[in-house]
Amino acid sequence: GRVRMSFGWGTNLTNDFRDCDPDA
């Protein structure tokens, strides 16, 4: 409500595999 906003979602969209690998 104070400013127009847009978000660019980068690494945490396309490369977030933290704690996903059972063999890590």
PDB file of all heavy atoms in Angstrom:
ATOM      1  N   GLY A   1       0.781  -1.222   0.000  1.00  0.00           N
ATOM      2  CA  GLY A   1       0.000   0.000   0.000  1.00  0.00           C
ATOM      3  C   GLY A   1       0.813   1.272   0.000  1.00  0.00           C
ATOM      4  O   GLY A   1       0.263   2.365  -0.182  1.00  0.00           O
ATOM      5  N   ARG A   2       2.129   1.163   0.204  1.00  0.00           N
ATOM      6  CA  ARG A   2       2.998   2.345   0.258  1.00  0.00           C
ATOM      7  C   ARG A   2       3.769   2.563  -1.035  1.00  0.00           C
ATOM      8  O   ARG A   2       4.195   3.682  -1.324  1.00  0.00           O
ATOM      9  CB  ARG A   2       3.984   2.205   1.418  1.00  0.00           C
ATOM     10  CG  ARG A   2       3.333   2.119   2.792  1.00  0.00           C
ATOM     11  CD  ARG A   2       4.385   1.832   3.848  1.00  0.00           C
ATOM     12  NE  ARG A   2       5.427   2.862   3.812  1.00  0.00           N
ATOM     13  CZ  ARG A   2       6.678   2.651   4.250  1.00  0.00           C
ATOM     14  NH1 ARG A   2       7.035   1.469   4.722  1.00  0.00           N
ATOM     15  NH2 ARG A   2       7.570   3.626   4.184  1.00  0.00           N
ATOM     16  N   VAL A   3       3.977   1.503  -1.786  1.00  0.00           N
ATOM     17  CA  VAL A   3       4.756   1.558  -3.017  1.00  0.00           C
ATOM     18  C   VAL A   3       4.383   0.346  -3.857  1.00  0.00           C
ATOM     19  O   VAL A   3       3.932  -0.678  -3.316  1.00  0.00           O
ATOM     20  CB  VAL A   3       6.273   1.568  -2.703  1.00  0.00           C
ATOM     21  CG1 VAL A   3       6.699   0.244  -2.077  1.00  0.00           C
ATOM     22  CG2 VAL A   3       7.116   1.869  -3.944  1.00  0.00           C
ATOM     23  N   ARG A   4       4.493   0.480  -5.173  1.00  0.00           N
ATOM     24  CA  ARG A   4       4.319  -0.690  -6.026  1.00  0.00           C
ATOM     25  C   ARG A   4       5.516  -1.617  -5.844  1.00  0.00           C
ATOM     26  O   ARG A   4       6.657  -1.172  -5.765  1.00  0.00           O
ATOM     27  CB  ARG A   4       4.188  -0.268  -7.488  1.00  0.00           C
ATOM     28  CG  ARG A   4       2.934   0.525  -7.804  1.00  0.00           C
ATOM     29  CD  ARG A   4       3.082   1.239  -9.140  1.00  0.00           C
ATOM     30  NE  ARG A   4       3.427   0.301 -10.197  1.00  0.00           N
ATOM     31  CZ  ARG A   4       4.161   0.619 -11.275  1.00  0.00           C
ATOM     32  NH1 ARG A   4       4.623   1.866 -11.414  1.00  0.00           N
ATOM     33  NH2 ARG A   4       4.449  -0.285 -12.189  1.00  0.00           N
ATOM     34  N   MET A   5       5.254  -2.898  -5.790  1.00  0.00           N
ATOM     35  CA  MET A   5       6.305  -3.879  -5.534  1.00  0.00           C
ATOM     36  C   MET A   5       6.313  -4.986  -6.565  1.00  0.00           C
ATOM     37  O   MET A   5       5.261  -5.379  -7.081  1.00  0.00           O
ATOM     38  CB  MET A   5       6.117  -4.528  -4.159  1.00  0.00           C
ATOM     39  CG  MET A   5       6.559  -3.765  -2.986  1.00  0.00           C
ATOM     40  SD  MET A   5       6.269  -4.744  -1.469  1.00  0.00           S
ATOM     41  CE  MET A   5       4.469  -4.692  -1.377  1.00  0.00           C
ATOM     42  N   SER A   6       7.497  -5.493  -6.846  1.00  0.00           N
ATOM     43  CA  SER A   6       7.658  -6.709  -7.620  1.00  0.00           C
ATOM     44  C   SER A   6       8.836  -7.470  -7.041  1.00  0.00           C
ATOM     45  O   SER A   6       9.787  -6.864  -6.542  1.00  0.00           O
ATOM     46  CB  SER A   6       7.897  -6.386  -9.100  1.00  0.00           C
ATOM     47  OG  SER A   6       8.065  -7.572  -9.862  1.00  0.00           O
ATOM     48  N   PHE A   7       8.755  -8.794  -7.086  1.00  0.00           N
ATOM     49  CA  PHE A   7       9.819  -9.628  -6.548  1.00  0.00           C
ATOM     50  C   PHE A   7      10.420 -10.485  -7.654  1.00  0.00           C
ATOM     51  O   PHE A   7       9.696 -11.105  -8.440  1.00  0.00           O
ATOM     52  CB  PHE A   7       9.293 -10.532  -5.426  1.00  0.00           C
ATOM     53  CG  PHE A   7       8.848  -9.780  -4.204  1.00  0.00           C
ATOM     54  CD1 PHE A   7       7.538  -9.345  -4.079  1.00  0.00           C
ATOM     55  CD2 PHE A   7       9.743  -9.473  -3.192  1.00  0.00           C
ATOM     56  CE1 PHE A   7       7.112  -8.631  -2.966  1.00  0.00           C
ATOM     57  CE2 PHE A   7       9.331  -8.764  -2.071  1.00  0.00           C
ATOM     58  CZ  PHE A   7       8.019  -8.340  -1.956  1.00  0.00           C
ATOM     59  N   GLY A   8      11.744 -10.506  -7.700  1.00  0.00           N
ATOM     60  CA  GLY A   8      12.460 -11.428  -8.563  1.00  0.00           C
ATOM     61  C   GLY A   8      13.038 -12.540  -7.708  1.00  0.00           C
ATOM     62  O   GLY A   8      13.916 -12.301  -6.875  1.00  0.00           O
ATOM     63  N   TRP A   9      12.545 -13.743  -7.901  1.00  0.00           N
ATOM     64  CA  TRP A   9      12.924 -14.880  -7.056  1.00  0.00           C
ATOM     65  C   TRP A   9      13.966 -15.704  -7.800  1.00  0.00           C
ATOM     66  O   TRP A   9      13.679 -16.245  -8.865  1.00  0.00           O
ATOM     67  CB  TRP A   9      11.673 -15.696  -6.751  1.00  0.00           C
ATOM     68  CG  TRP A   9      11.790 -16.611  -5.566  1.00  0.00           C
ATOM     69  CD1 TRP A   9      12.841 -16.692  -4.685  1.00  0.00           C
ATOM     70  CD2 TRP A   9      10.834 -17.558  -5.116  1.00  0.00           C
ATOM     71  NE1 TRP A   9      12.595 -17.641  -3.720  1.00  0.00           N
ATOM     72  CE2 TRP A   9      11.359 -18.174  -3.966  1.00  0.00           C
ATOM     73  CE3 TRP A   9       9.579 -17.941  -5.581  1.00  0.00           C
ATOM     74  CZ2 TRP A   9      10.672 -19.164  -3.274  1.00  0.00           C
ATOM     75  CZ3 TRP A   9       8.893 -18.927  -4.883  1.00  0.00           C
ATOM     76  CH2 TRP A   9       9.442 -19.529  -3.738  1.00  0.00           C
ATOM     77  N   GLY A  10      15.170 -15.781  -7.230  1.00  0.00           N
ATOM     78  CA  GLY A  10      16.280 -16.378  -7.937  1.00  0.00           C
ATOM     79  C   GLY A  10      16.680 -17.741  -7.425  1.00  0.00           C
ATOM     80  O   GLY A  10      15.964 -18.731  -7.561  1.00  0.00           O
ATOM     81  N   THR A  11      17.854 -17.792  -6.785  1.00  0.00           N
ATOM     82  CA  THR A  11      18.457 -19.062  -6.390  1.00  0.00           C
ATOM     83  C   THR A  11      17.569 -19.891  -5.491  1.00  0.00           C
ATOM     84  O   THR A  11      17.496 -21.120  -5.611  1.00  0.00           O
ATOM     85  CB  THR A  11      19.804 -18.797  -5.700  1.00  0.00           C
ATOM     86  OG1 THR A  11      20.609 -17.938  -6.517  1.00  0.00           O
ATOM     87  CG2 THR A  11      20.551 -20.100  -5.461  1.00  0.00           C
ATOM     88  N   ASN A  12      16.877 -19.248  -4.560  1.00  0.00           N
ATOM     89  CA  ASN A  12      16.031 -19.992  -3.626  1.00  0.00           C
ATOM     90  C   ASN A  12      14.745 -20.510  -4.268  1.00  0.00           C
ATOM     91  O   ASN A  12      13.993 -21.243  -3.624  1.00  0.00           O
ATOM     92  CB  ASN A  12      15.711 -19.141  -2.403  1.00  0.00           C
ATOM     93  CG  ASN A  12      16.920 -18.953  -1.504  1.00  0.00           C
ATOM     94  OD1 ASN A  12      17.635 -19.907  -1.195  1.00  0.00           O
ATOM     95  ND2 ASN A  12      17.187 -17.711  -1.108  1.00  0.00           N
ATOM     96  N   LEU A  13      14.503 -20.141  -5.499  1.00  0.00           N
ATOM     97  CA  LEU A  13      13.446 -20.764  -6.289  1.00  0.00           C
ATOM     98  C   LEU A  13      13.998 -21.938  -7.081  1.00  0.00           C
ATOM     99  O   LEU A  13      13.444 -23.037  -7.024  1.00  0.00           O
ATOM    100  CB  LEU A  13      12.818 -19.742  -7.239  1.00  0.00           C
ATOM    101  CG  LEU A  13      11.887 -20.307  -8.334  1.00  0.00           C
ATOM    102  CD1 LEU A  13      10.657 -20.970  -7.721  1.00  0.00           C
ATOM    103  CD2 LEU A  13      11.470 -19.202  -9.310  1.00  0.00           C
ATOM    104  N   THR A  14      15.070 -21.732  -7.812  1.00  0.00           N
ATOM    105  CA  THR A  14      15.536 -22.723  -8.781  1.00  0.00           C
ATOM    106  C   THR A  14      16.696 -23.589  -8.303  1.00  0.00           C
ATOM    107  O   THR A  14      17.161 -24.447  -9.053  1.00  0.00           O
ATOM    108  CB  THR A  14      15.963 -22.029 -10.089  1.00  0.00           C
ATOM    109  OG1 THR A  14      17.062 -21.145  -9.802  1.00  0.00           O
ATOM    110  CG2 THR A  14      14.804 -21.248 -10.695  1.00  0.00           C
ATOM    111  N   ASN A  15      17.151 -23.381  -7.059  1.00  0.00           N
ATOM    112  CA  ASN A  15      18.269 -24.208  -6.592  1.00  0.00           C
ATOM    113  C   ASN A  15      18.242 -24.396  -5.087  1.00  0.00           C
ATOM    114  O   ASN A  15      19.272 -24.345  -4.423  1.00  0.00           O
ATOM    115  CB  ASN A  15      19.604 -23.588  -7.018  1.00  0.00           C
ATOM    116  CG  ASN A  15      20.744 -24.613  -6.982  1.00  0.00           C
ATOM    117  OD1 ASN A  15      20.551 -25.795  -6.694  1.00  0.00           O
ATOM    118  ND2 ASN A  15      21.956 -24.158  -7.283  1.00  0.00           N
ATOM    119  N   ASP A  16      17.082 -24.658  -4.526  1.00  0.00           N
ATOM    120  CA  ASP A  16      16.985 -24.904  -3.096  1.00  0.00           C
ATOM    121  C   ASP A  16      16.763 -26.391  -2.847  1.00  0.00           C
ATOM    122  O   ASP A  16      15.634 -26.867  -2.762  1.00  0.00           O
ATOM    123  CB  ASP A  16      15.857 -24.077  -2.474  1.00  0.00           C
ATOM    124  CG  ASP A  16      15.843 -24.192  -0.953  1.00  0.00           C
ATOM    125  OD1 ASP A  16      16.764 -24.825  -0.389  1.00  0.00           O
ATOM    126  OD2 ASP A  16      14.905 -23.662  -0.321  1.00  0.00           O
ATOM    127  N   PHE A  17      17.858 -27.116  -2.718  1.00  0.00           N
ATOM    128  CA  PHE A  17      17.819 -28.538  -2.419  1.00  0.00           C
ATOM    129  C   PHE A  17      18.350 -28.830  -1.018  1.00  0.00           C
ATOM    130  O   PHE A  17      18.703 -29.971  -0.710  1.00  0.00           O
ATOM    131  CB  PHE A  17      18.641 -29.325  -3.447  1.00  0.00           C
ATOM    132  CG  PHE A  17      17.938 -29.540  -4.752  1.00  0.00           C
ATOM    133  CD1 PHE A  17      17.770 -28.493  -5.640  1.00  0.00           C
ATOM    134  CD2 PHE A  17      17.421 -30.779  -5.090  1.00  0.00           C
ATOM    135  CE1 PHE A  17      17.120 -28.669  -6.848  1.00  0.00           C
ATOM    136  CE2 PHE A  17      16.757 -30.967  -6.297  1.00  0.00           C
ATOM    137  CZ  PHE A  17      16.608 -29.906  -7.179  1.00  0.00           C
ATOM    138  N   ARG A  18      18.384 -27.805  -0.172  1.00  0.00           N
ATOM    139  CA  ARG A  18      18.881 -27.995   1.186  1.00  0.00           C
ATOM    140  C   ARG A  18      18.035 -29.032   1.914  1.00  0.00           C
ATOM    141  O   ARG A  18      16.806 -28.947   1.935  1.00  0.00           O
ATOM    142  CB  ARG A  18      18.873 -26.668   1.943  1.00  0.00           C
ATOM    143  CG  ARG A  18      19.756 -25.572   1.319  1.00  0.00           C
ATOM    144  CD  ARG A  18      19.539 -24.257   2.053  1.00  0.00           C
ATOM    145  NE  ARG A  18      20.292 -23.138   1.494  1.00  0.00           N
ATOM    146  CZ  ARG A  18      19.822 -22.332   0.541  1.00  0.00           C
ATOM    147  NH1 ARG A  18      18.599 -22.527   0.026  1.00  0.00           N
ATOM    148  NH2 ARG A  18      20.562 -21.331   0.086  1.00  0.00           N
ATOM    149  N   ASP A  19      18.707 -30.049   2.481  1.00  0.00           N
ATOM    150  CA  ASP A  19      18.061 -31.110   3.262  1.00  0.00           C
ATOM    151  C   ASP A  19      17.143 -31.995   2.423  1.00  0.00           C
ATOM    152  O   ASP A  19      16.256 -32.671   2.963  1.00  0.00           O
ATOM    153  CB  ASP A  19      17.261 -30.533   4.441  1.00  0.00           C
ATOM    154  CG  ASP A  19      18.118 -29.698   5.383  1.00  0.00           C
ATOM    155  OD1 ASP A  19      19.271 -30.104   5.641  1.00  0.00           O
ATOM    156  OD2 ASP A  19      17.642 -28.642   5.835  1.00  0.00           O
ATOM    157  N   CYS A  20      17.360 -32.026   1.121  1.00  0.00           N
ATOM    158  CA  CYS A  20      16.544 -32.868   0.253  1.00  0.00           C
ATOM    159  C   CYS A  20      17.226 -34.180  -0.144  1.00  0.00           C
ATOM    160  O   CYS A  20      16.555 -35.127  -0.553  1.00  0.00           O
ATOM    161  CB  CYS A  20      16.148 -32.111  -1.022  1.00  0.00           C
ATOM    162  SG  CYS A  20      15.025 -30.724  -0.746  1.00  0.00           S
ATOM    163  N   ASP A  21      18.537 -34.237  -0.046  1.00  0.00           N
ATOM    164  CA  ASP A  21      19.299 -35.393  -0.522  1.00  0.00           C
ATOM    165  C   ASP A  21      19.442 -36.410   0.599  1.00  0.00           C
ATOM    166  O   ASP A  21      20.099 -36.150   1.608  1.00  0.00           O
ATOM    167  CB  ASP A  21      20.682 -34.929  -1.002  1.00  0.00           C
ATOM    168  CG  ASP A  21      21.516 -36.059  -1.588  1.00  0.00           C
ATOM    169  OD1 ASP A  21      21.048 -37.215  -1.602  1.00  0.00           O
ATOM    170  OD2 ASP A  21      22.651 -35.761  -2.034  1.00  0.00           O
ATOM    171  N   PRO A  22      18.855 -37.609   0.460  1.00  0.00           N
ATOM    172  CA  PRO A  22      18.963 -38.616   1.530  1.00  0.00           C
ATOM    173  C   PRO A  22      20.367 -39.164   1.701  1.00  0.00           C
ATOM    174  O   PRO A  22      20.683 -39.726   2.749  1.00  0.00           O
ATOM    175  CB  PRO A  22      18.000 -39.720   1.057  1.00  0.00           C
ATOM    176  CG  PRO A  22      17.932 -39.579  -0.423  1.00  0.00           C
ATOM    177  CD  PRO A  22      18.060 -38.115  -0.681  1.00  0.00           C
ATOM    178  N   ASP A  23      21.229 -38.988   0.687  1.00  0.00           N
ATOM    179  CA  ASP A  23      22.592 -39.508   0.752  1.00  0.00           C
ATOM    180  C   ASP A  23      23.617 -38.456   1.134  1.00  0.00           C
ATOM    181  O   ASP A  23      24.823 -38.735   1.162  1.00  0.00           O
ATOM    182  CB  ASP A  23      22.989 -40.126  -0.597  1.00  0.00           C
ATOM    183  CG  ASP A  23      22.241 -41.420  -0.902  1.00  0.00           C
ATOM    184  OD1 ASP A  23      21.611 -41.968   0.026  1.00  0.00           O
ATOM    185  OD2 ASP A  23      22.267 -41.865  -2.065  1.00  0.00           O
ATOM    186  N   ALA A  24      23.184 -37.227   1.419  1.00  0.00           N
ATOM    187  CA  ALA A  24      24.116 -36.151   1.754  1.00  0.00           C
ATOM    188  C   ALA A  24      24.692 -36.369   3.144  1.00  0.00           C
ATOM    189  O   ALA A  24      24.012 -36.782   4.071  1.00  0.00           O
ATOM    190  CB  ALA A  24      23.434 -34.800   1.676  1.00  0.00           C
TER     191      ALA A  24
END
